[in-house]
C-alpha cells in the first residue's frame, strides 16, 4: 500500500511510514504505558493489517508526510508488476519488473537501430533472475 502527500505528490510506502513514525513516537517520554503498549502491539501486527486497518492507524495517530508535514491521501493499492493487455480481448497480464525494465532502458537503442522510427515491437529472449 502507498500514500501520497496531497501537496507535493511525494509517495510513501504505508507500512514503512507507520513503522518509522510510531518508532519515533515511542521515544517520547510523555507517553503513558497504555499508549506505549498500543504502539508496540501495532508494530508487532503491522504486516497482517488490512488496508482499512492501516487507514485507521493513519488517522488515529495523525500521521503526516515526514518531510513536509502535509496531509496524506487514503491508502492506494500499489503493484510492482507491470500490467499489460494481451490479445484482442485485452486480457490482463503482468510482466515481472526485472524483465519489463528493459523495455524502457533499451528504448533509445531500439529507436537508434530503427533509424529514428518507432519500433513496431521488441522482444526479450533469455533468462532473467
N, C-alpha and C. Protein backbone atom coordinates (compact mmCIF):
# COMPACT_ATOMS: atom_id res chain seq x y z
N UNK A 1 0.84 -1.18 0.00
CA UNK A 1 0.00 0.00 0.00
C UNK A 1 0.88 1.24 0.00
N UNK A 2 0.35 2.28 -0.59
CA UNK A 2 1.10 3.52 -0.73
C UNK A 2 0.20 4.69 -0.37
N UNK A 3 0.79 5.76 0.15
CA UNK A 3 0.07 7.01 0.38
C UNK A 3 0.87 8.13 -0.29
N UNK A 4 0.17 9.20 -0.67
CA UNK A 4 0.82 10.34 -1.31
C UNK A 4 0.60 11.59 -0.48
N UNK A 5 1.58 12.47 -0.51
CA UNK A 5 1.43 13.79 0.07
C UNK A 5 0.48 14.56 -0.83
N UNK A 6 -0.57 15.14 -0.26
CA UNK A 6 -1.59 15.82 -1.06
C UNK A 6 -1.06 17.06 -1.77
N UNK A 7 -0.02 17.70 -1.23
CA UNK A 7 0.50 18.93 -1.84
C UNK A 7 1.67 18.66 -2.79
N UNK A 8 2.64 17.88 -2.34
CA UNK A 8 3.84 17.68 -3.16
C UNK A 8 3.76 16.46 -4.07
N UNK A 9 2.88 15.52 -3.76
CA UNK A 9 2.76 14.31 -4.57
C UNK A 9 3.79 13.25 -4.23
N UNK A 10 4.60 13.49 -3.19
CA UNK A 10 5.60 12.51 -2.78
C UNK A 10 4.89 11.23 -2.32
N UNK A 11 5.46 10.09 -2.68
CA UNK A 11 4.85 8.79 -2.36
C UNK A 11 5.62 8.12 -1.22
N UNK A 12 4.87 7.42 -0.38
CA UNK A 12 5.46 6.70 0.74
C UNK A 12 4.82 5.33 0.85
N UNK A 13 5.64 4.34 1.16
CA UNK A 13 5.10 3.01 1.43
C UNK A 13 4.47 3.06 2.81
N UNK A 14 3.20 2.73 2.90
CA UNK A 14 2.43 2.94 4.12
C UNK A 14 2.98 2.18 5.32
N UNK A 15 3.33 0.90 5.14
CA UNK A 15 3.82 0.13 6.29
C UNK A 15 5.12 0.71 6.83
N UNK A 16 6.01 1.15 5.95
CA UNK A 16 7.27 1.75 6.39
C UNK A 16 7.03 3.08 7.09
N UNK A 17 6.10 3.86 6.57
CA UNK A 17 5.79 5.16 7.17
C UNK A 17 5.21 5.00 8.57
N UNK A 18 4.27 4.07 8.72
CA UNK A 18 3.68 3.83 10.04
C UNK A 18 4.75 3.35 11.01
N UNK A 19 5.58 2.41 10.56
CA UNK A 19 6.62 1.86 11.44
C UNK A 19 7.58 2.94 11.91
N UNK A 20 8.11 3.74 10.98
CA UNK A 20 9.09 4.76 11.36
C UNK A 20 8.47 5.83 12.26
N UNK A 21 7.24 6.23 11.96
CA UNK A 21 6.57 7.25 12.76
C UNK A 21 6.30 6.76 14.17
N UNK A 22 5.77 5.55 14.29
CA UNK A 22 5.45 5.03 15.62
C UNK A 22 6.70 4.72 16.43
N UNK A 23 7.77 4.28 15.77
CA UNK A 23 9.03 4.04 16.50
C UNK A 23 9.57 5.35 17.07
N UNK A 24 9.45 6.45 16.31
CA UNK A 24 9.88 7.76 16.82
C UNK A 24 9.01 8.18 18.00
N UNK A 25 7.72 7.92 17.92
CA UNK A 25 6.81 8.32 19.00
C UNK A 25 7.05 7.51 20.27
N UNK A 26 7.59 6.31 20.14
CA UNK A 26 7.90 5.50 21.33
C UNK A 26 8.99 6.15 22.19
N UNK A 27 9.83 6.97 21.59
CA UNK A 27 10.92 7.61 22.32
C UNK A 27 10.44 8.82 23.13
N UNK A 28 9.21 9.26 22.90
CA UNK A 28 8.68 10.42 23.63
C UNK A 28 8.40 10.01 25.08
N UNK A 29 8.93 10.79 26.01
CA UNK A 29 8.82 10.45 27.43
C UNK A 29 7.42 10.63 27.99
N UNK A 30 6.58 11.43 27.34
CA UNK A 30 5.25 11.73 27.89
C UNK A 30 4.20 10.68 27.58
N UNK A 31 4.56 9.62 26.88
CA UNK A 31 3.58 8.57 26.56
C UNK A 31 3.23 7.77 27.81
N UNK A 32 1.96 7.47 27.93
CA UNK A 32 1.52 6.62 29.04
C UNK A 32 1.86 5.17 28.73
N UNK A 33 1.89 4.31 29.73
CA UNK A 33 2.16 2.88 29.47
C UNK A 33 1.13 2.26 28.52
N UNK A 34 -0.13 2.70 28.60
CA UNK A 34 -1.16 2.19 27.69
C UNK A 34 -0.86 2.57 26.24
N UNK A 35 -0.42 3.81 26.03
CA UNK A 35 -0.09 4.27 24.68
C UNK A 35 1.11 3.50 24.13
N UNK A 36 2.11 3.26 24.98
CA UNK A 36 3.28 2.50 24.55
C UNK A 36 2.89 1.07 24.19
N UNK A 37 2.02 0.47 25.00
CA UNK A 37 1.55 -0.89 24.70
C UNK A 37 0.79 -0.93 23.38
N UNK A 38 -0.05 0.07 23.14
CA UNK A 38 -0.82 0.15 21.89
C UNK A 38 0.12 0.25 20.69
N UNK A 39 1.12 1.11 20.78
CA UNK A 39 2.08 1.28 19.68
C UNK A 39 2.87 0.00 19.45
N UNK A 40 3.36 -0.61 20.53
CA UNK A 40 4.11 -1.87 20.39
C UNK A 40 3.25 -2.97 19.77
N UNK A 41 1.98 -3.03 20.15
CA UNK A 41 1.05 -4.01 19.60
C UNK A 41 0.88 -3.80 18.09
N UNK A 42 0.75 -2.55 17.69
CA UNK A 42 0.61 -2.23 16.26
C UNK A 42 1.87 -2.62 15.50
N UNK A 43 3.03 -2.30 16.05
CA UNK A 43 4.29 -2.61 15.37
C UNK A 43 4.48 -4.12 15.19
N UNK A 44 4.04 -4.91 16.16
CA UNK A 44 4.17 -6.36 16.06
C UNK A 44 3.23 -6.92 14.99
N UNK A 45 2.01 -6.37 14.90
CA UNK A 45 0.99 -6.89 13.99
C UNK A 45 0.94 -6.17 12.65
N UNK A 46 1.82 -5.22 12.41
CA UNK A 46 1.74 -4.34 11.24
C UNK A 46 1.63 -5.08 9.90
N UNK A 47 2.39 -6.14 9.72
CA UNK A 47 2.38 -6.86 8.44
C UNK A 47 1.05 -7.54 8.15
N UNK A 48 0.25 -7.80 9.17
CA UNK A 48 -1.02 -8.50 8.98
C UNK A 48 -2.23 -7.60 8.84
N UNK A 49 -2.04 -6.29 8.91
CA UNK A 49 -3.18 -5.38 8.84
C UNK A 49 -3.72 -5.22 7.43
N UNK A 50 -5.02 -5.03 7.32
CA UNK A 50 -5.66 -4.78 6.03
C UNK A 50 -5.53 -3.30 5.67
N UNK A 51 -5.97 -2.97 4.48
CA UNK A 51 -5.94 -1.59 4.01
C UNK A 51 -6.75 -0.67 4.94
N UNK A 52 -7.94 -1.12 5.33
CA UNK A 52 -8.80 -0.31 6.21
C UNK A 52 -8.18 -0.13 7.59
N UNK A 53 -7.58 -1.20 8.11
CA UNK A 53 -6.95 -1.11 9.43
C UNK A 53 -5.77 -0.14 9.41
N UNK A 54 -4.98 -0.18 8.34
CA UNK A 54 -3.85 0.74 8.23
C UNK A 54 -4.34 2.18 8.10
N UNK A 55 -5.44 2.37 7.38
CA UNK A 55 -6.00 3.71 7.24
C UNK A 55 -6.47 4.23 8.60
N UNK A 56 -7.04 3.36 9.42
CA UNK A 56 -7.47 3.76 10.77
C UNK A 56 -6.27 4.17 11.63
N UNK A 57 -5.16 3.43 11.50
CA UNK A 57 -3.94 3.77 12.24
C UNK A 57 -3.42 5.13 11.78
N UNK A 58 -3.46 5.36 10.47
CA UNK A 58 -3.03 6.64 9.89
C UNK A 58 -3.82 7.79 10.51
N UNK A 59 -5.12 7.60 10.65
CA UNK A 59 -5.98 8.64 11.23
C UNK A 59 -5.82 8.74 12.74
N UNK A 60 -5.76 7.59 13.41
CA UNK A 60 -5.65 7.57 14.88
C UNK A 60 -4.42 8.33 15.37
N UNK A 61 -3.30 8.10 14.69
CA UNK A 61 -2.05 8.73 15.12
C UNK A 61 -1.73 10.00 14.33
N UNK A 62 -2.64 10.42 13.48
CA UNK A 62 -2.49 11.65 12.67
C UNK A 62 -1.12 11.69 11.99
N UNK A 63 -0.82 10.62 11.27
CA UNK A 63 0.47 10.51 10.59
C UNK A 63 0.45 11.38 9.34
N UNK A 64 1.51 12.17 9.18
CA UNK A 64 1.62 13.09 8.05
C UNK A 64 2.93 12.83 7.31
N UNK A 65 3.12 13.54 6.20
CA UNK A 65 4.36 13.46 5.43
C UNK A 65 5.53 13.77 6.38
N UNK A 66 6.51 12.86 6.51
CA UNK A 66 7.60 13.09 7.46
C UNK A 66 8.53 14.24 7.07
N UNK A 67 8.55 14.61 5.80
CA UNK A 67 9.45 15.67 5.34
C UNK A 67 8.79 17.04 5.47
N UNK A 68 7.56 17.18 4.94
CA UNK A 68 6.89 18.48 4.89
C UNK A 68 5.77 18.65 5.91
N UNK A 69 5.30 17.56 6.50
CA UNK A 69 4.21 17.64 7.47
C UNK A 69 2.84 17.84 6.84
N UNK A 70 2.72 17.56 5.55
CA UNK A 70 1.44 17.73 4.85
C UNK A 70 0.52 16.53 5.05
N UNK A 71 -0.76 16.74 4.76
CA UNK A 71 -1.76 15.66 4.83
C UNK A 71 -1.46 14.60 3.78
N UNK A 72 -1.87 13.37 4.07
CA UNK A 72 -1.67 12.25 3.15
C UNK A 72 -3.00 11.77 2.59
N UNK A 73 -2.95 11.15 1.42
CA UNK A 73 -4.15 10.59 0.79
C UNK A 73 -4.55 9.30 1.51
N UNK A 74 -5.71 8.78 1.12
CA UNK A 74 -6.13 7.46 1.58
C UNK A 74 -5.14 6.44 1.00
N UNK A 75 -4.96 5.29 1.64
CA UNK A 75 -4.05 4.28 1.10
C UNK A 75 -4.47 3.82 -0.31
N UNK A 76 -3.48 3.69 -1.18
CA UNK A 76 -3.70 3.26 -2.56
C UNK A 76 -3.02 1.92 -2.77
N UNK A 77 -3.65 1.05 -3.56
CA UNK A 77 -3.01 -0.21 -3.92
C UNK A 77 -1.85 0.10 -4.86
N UNK A 78 -0.75 -0.59 -4.66
CA UNK A 78 0.43 -0.36 -5.47
C UNK A 78 1.03 -1.71 -5.82
N UNK A 79 1.23 -1.96 -7.09
CA UNK A 79 1.77 -3.24 -7.54
C UNK A 79 3.09 -3.00 -8.25
N UNK A 80 4.07 -3.84 -7.96
CA UNK A 80 5.36 -3.73 -8.63
C UNK A 80 5.34 -4.38 -10.01
N UNK A 81 4.35 -5.21 -10.25
CA UNK A 81 4.26 -5.87 -11.55
C UNK A 81 3.77 -4.87 -12.60
N UNK A 82 4.25 -5.01 -13.82
CA UNK A 82 3.92 -4.11 -14.92
C UNK A 82 2.71 -4.68 -15.66
N UNK A 83 1.57 -4.02 -15.58
CA UNK A 83 0.33 -4.52 -16.19
C UNK A 83 0.32 -4.28 -17.71
N UNK A 84 -0.13 -5.29 -18.45
CA UNK A 84 -0.28 -5.17 -19.91
C UNK A 84 -1.59 -5.82 -20.33
N UNK A 85 -2.12 -5.39 -21.46
CA UNK A 85 -3.31 -6.02 -22.04
C UNK A 85 -2.86 -6.98 -23.13
N UNK A 86 -3.42 -8.19 -23.12
CA UNK A 86 -2.99 -9.22 -24.05
C UNK A 86 -4.13 -9.61 -24.98
N UNK A 87 -3.84 -9.62 -26.27
CA UNK A 87 -4.78 -10.12 -27.26
C UNK A 87 -5.95 -9.20 -27.54
N UNK A 88 -6.83 -9.65 -28.45
CA UNK A 88 -7.97 -8.82 -28.86
C UNK A 88 -9.00 -8.63 -27.74
N UNK A 89 -9.01 -9.54 -26.77
CA UNK A 89 -9.96 -9.40 -25.66
C UNK A 89 -9.38 -8.55 -24.53
N UNK A 90 -8.14 -8.13 -24.71
CA UNK A 90 -7.43 -7.32 -23.73
C UNK A 90 -7.43 -7.95 -22.34
N UNK A 91 -7.11 -9.25 -22.32
CA UNK A 91 -6.96 -9.94 -21.04
C UNK A 91 -5.81 -9.31 -20.26
N UNK A 92 -5.94 -9.26 -18.95
CA UNK A 92 -4.92 -8.64 -18.12
C UNK A 92 -3.75 -9.60 -17.94
N UNK A 93 -2.55 -9.09 -18.15
CA UNK A 93 -1.34 -9.86 -17.93
C UNK A 93 -0.34 -9.00 -17.20
N UNK A 94 0.69 -9.62 -16.64
CA UNK A 94 1.68 -8.87 -15.88
C UNK A 94 3.08 -9.30 -16.28
N UNK A 95 3.98 -8.33 -16.39
CA UNK A 95 5.38 -8.59 -16.65
C UNK A 95 6.16 -8.41 -15.36
N UNK A 96 7.16 -9.24 -15.17
CA UNK A 96 7.99 -9.09 -13.98
C UNK A 96 8.82 -7.81 -14.11
N UNK A 97 9.03 -7.09 -13.03
CA UNK A 97 9.74 -5.81 -13.11
C UNK A 97 11.14 -5.92 -13.68
N UNK A 98 11.86 -6.99 -13.34
CA UNK A 98 13.24 -7.09 -13.81
C UNK A 98 13.32 -7.31 -15.32
N UNK A 99 12.28 -7.86 -15.93
CA UNK A 99 12.29 -8.01 -17.38
C UNK A 99 11.62 -6.82 -18.06
N UNK A 100 10.61 -6.24 -17.44
CA UNK A 100 9.89 -5.12 -18.05
C UNK A 100 10.74 -3.87 -18.13
N UNK A 101 11.72 -3.72 -17.22
CA UNK A 101 12.52 -2.51 -17.24
C UNK A 101 13.33 -2.39 -18.53
N UNK A 102 13.64 -3.51 -19.16
CA UNK A 102 14.39 -3.47 -20.41
C UNK A 102 13.63 -2.76 -21.52
N UNK A 103 12.32 -2.75 -21.45
CA UNK A 103 11.51 -2.04 -22.44
C UNK A 103 11.87 -0.56 -22.44
N UNK A 104 12.07 -0.01 -21.26
CA UNK A 104 12.35 1.42 -21.13
C UNK A 104 13.83 1.73 -21.25
N UNK A 105 14.66 0.90 -20.64
CA UNK A 105 16.10 1.13 -20.66
C UNK A 105 16.66 1.03 -22.08
N UNK A 106 16.18 0.06 -22.84
CA UNK A 106 16.72 -0.17 -24.18
C UNK A 106 15.99 0.60 -25.27
N UNK A 107 14.99 1.39 -24.94
CA UNK A 107 14.17 2.04 -25.95
C UNK A 107 15.00 2.97 -26.85
N UNK A 108 15.91 3.72 -26.26
CA UNK A 108 16.74 4.64 -27.06
C UNK A 108 17.59 3.86 -28.07
N UNK A 109 18.12 2.72 -27.64
CA UNK A 109 18.91 1.89 -28.56
C UNK A 109 18.05 1.33 -29.68
N UNK A 110 16.83 0.92 -29.34
CA UNK A 110 15.91 0.40 -30.36
C UNK A 110 15.54 1.49 -31.37
N UNK A 111 15.32 2.68 -30.87
CA UNK A 111 14.97 3.81 -31.74
C UNK A 111 16.12 4.13 -32.69
N UNK A 112 17.33 4.15 -32.16
CA UNK A 112 18.51 4.45 -32.98
C UNK A 112 18.74 3.35 -34.03
N UNK A 113 18.57 2.08 -33.64
CA UNK A 113 18.77 0.96 -34.55
C UNK A 113 17.71 0.93 -35.64
N UNK A 114 16.55 1.52 -35.39
CA UNK A 114 15.45 1.53 -36.34
C UNK A 114 15.41 2.85 -37.12
N UNK A 115 16.56 3.51 -37.22
CA UNK A 115 16.71 4.77 -37.98
C UNK A 115 15.73 5.84 -37.51
N UNK A 116 15.62 6.00 -36.18
CA UNK A 116 14.81 7.03 -35.54
C UNK A 116 13.31 6.92 -35.83
N UNK A 117 12.86 5.73 -36.16
CA UNK A 117 11.43 5.46 -36.30
C UNK A 117 11.01 4.61 -35.10
N UNK A 118 9.76 4.79 -34.67
CA UNK A 118 9.29 4.00 -33.54
C UNK A 118 9.31 2.52 -33.88
N UNK A 119 9.90 1.70 -33.01
CA UNK A 119 9.92 0.26 -33.28
C UNK A 119 8.51 -0.32 -33.16
N UNK A 120 8.20 -1.25 -34.05
CA UNK A 120 6.89 -1.90 -34.03
C UNK A 120 6.75 -2.79 -32.80
N UNK A 121 7.80 -3.51 -32.47
CA UNK A 121 7.75 -4.42 -31.32
C UNK A 121 9.17 -4.68 -30.84
N UNK A 122 9.27 -5.13 -29.62
CA UNK A 122 10.56 -5.51 -29.05
C UNK A 122 10.37 -6.81 -28.28
N UNK A 123 11.33 -7.70 -28.41
CA UNK A 123 11.24 -8.99 -27.73
C UNK A 123 12.48 -9.19 -26.89
N UNK A 124 12.32 -9.92 -25.81
CA UNK A 124 13.45 -10.29 -24.98
C UNK A 124 13.54 -11.80 -24.99
N UNK A 125 14.73 -12.29 -25.28
CA UNK A 125 14.95 -13.73 -25.29
C UNK A 125 16.02 -14.03 -24.26
N UNK A 126 15.79 -15.03 -23.46
CA UNK A 126 16.78 -15.41 -22.47
C UNK A 126 16.17 -15.53 -21.10
N UNK A 127 17.03 -15.58 -20.12
CA UNK A 127 16.59 -15.74 -18.74
C UNK A 127 16.80 -14.45 -17.97
N UNK A 128 15.95 -14.23 -17.01
CA UNK A 128 16.11 -13.09 -16.10
C UNK A 128 16.00 -13.60 -14.68
N UNK A 129 16.86 -13.14 -13.85
CA UNK A 129 16.85 -13.59 -12.45
C UNK A 129 16.57 -12.43 -11.54
